[in-house]
Amino acid sequence: MRQLTGLRPKPELQPKQQRPKQQRLRPKQQP
């Protein structure tokens, strides 16, 4: 059970970094 909780915080940080990367590409293609 301790191993599952340690893996949970790791995948949560990955999707958060992908969000800001997609938003930066959008404004670059618009102008």
C-alpha atoms as a PDB file:
ATOM      1  CA  MET A   1       0.000   0.000   0.000  1.00  0.00           C
ATOM      2  CA  ARG A   2       2.910   2.345   0.706  1.00  0.00           C
ATOM      3  CA  GLN A   3       4.285   1.756  -2.796  1.00  0.00           C
ATOM      4  CA  LEU A   4       0.967   2.731  -4.436  1.00  0.00           C
ATOM      5  CA  THR A   5       0.823   6.073  -2.625  1.00  0.00           C
ATOM      6  CA  GLY A   6       4.400   6.858  -3.719  1.00  0.00           C
ATOM      7  CA  LEU A   7       3.557   6.247  -7.381  1.00  0.00           C
ATOM      8  CA  ARG A   8       0.428   8.414  -7.228  1.00  0.00           C
ATOM      9  CA  PRO A   9       2.204  11.771  -6.699  1.00  0.00           C
ATOM     10  CA  LYS A  10       4.602  11.030  -9.579  1.00  0.00           C
ATOM     11  CA  PRO A  11       1.982  10.691 -12.384  1.00  0.00           C
ATOM     12  CA  GLU A  12       0.171  13.755 -11.027  1.00  0.00           C
ATOM     13  CA  LEU A  13       3.207  15.962 -11.719  1.00  0.00           C
ATOM     14  CA  GLN A  14       3.507  14.743 -15.323  1.00  0.00           C
ATOM     15  CA  PRO A  15       0.029  15.834 -16.537  1.00  0.00           C
ATOM     16  CA  LYS A  16       0.544  19.219 -14.855  1.00  0.00           C
ATOM     17  CA  GLN A  17       3.707  19.904 -16.885  1.00  0.00           C
ATOM     18  CA  GLN A  18       2.043  18.861 -20.163  1.00  0.00           C
ATOM     19  CA  ARG A  19      -0.777  21.399 -19.699  1.00  0.00           C
ATOM     20  CA  PRO A  20       1.433  24.525 -19.752  1.00  0.00           C
ATOM     21  CA  LYS A  21       3.378  23.151 -22.726  1.00  0.00           C
ATOM     22  CA  GLN A  22       0.233  22.835 -24.888  1.00  0.00           C
ATOM     23  CA  GLN A  23      -0.975  26.317 -23.929  1.00  0.00           C
ATOM     24  CA  ARG A  24       2.337  27.869 -25.022  1.00  0.00           C
ATOM     25  CA  LEU A  25       2.125  26.271 -28.474  1.00  0.00           C
ATOM     26  CA  ARG A  26      -1.439  27.536 -29.026  1.00  0.00           C
ATOM     27  CA  PRO A  27      -0.662  31.268 -28.725  1.00  0.00           C
ATOM     28  CA  LYS A  28       2.383  30.837 -30.990  1.00  0.00           C
ATOM     29  CA  GLN A  29       0.315  29.384 -33.862  1.00  0.00           C
ATOM     30  CA  GLN A  30      -2.461  32.005 -33.514  1.00  0.00           C
ATOM     31  CA  PRO A  31      -0.296  35.125 -34.198  1.00  0.00           C
END
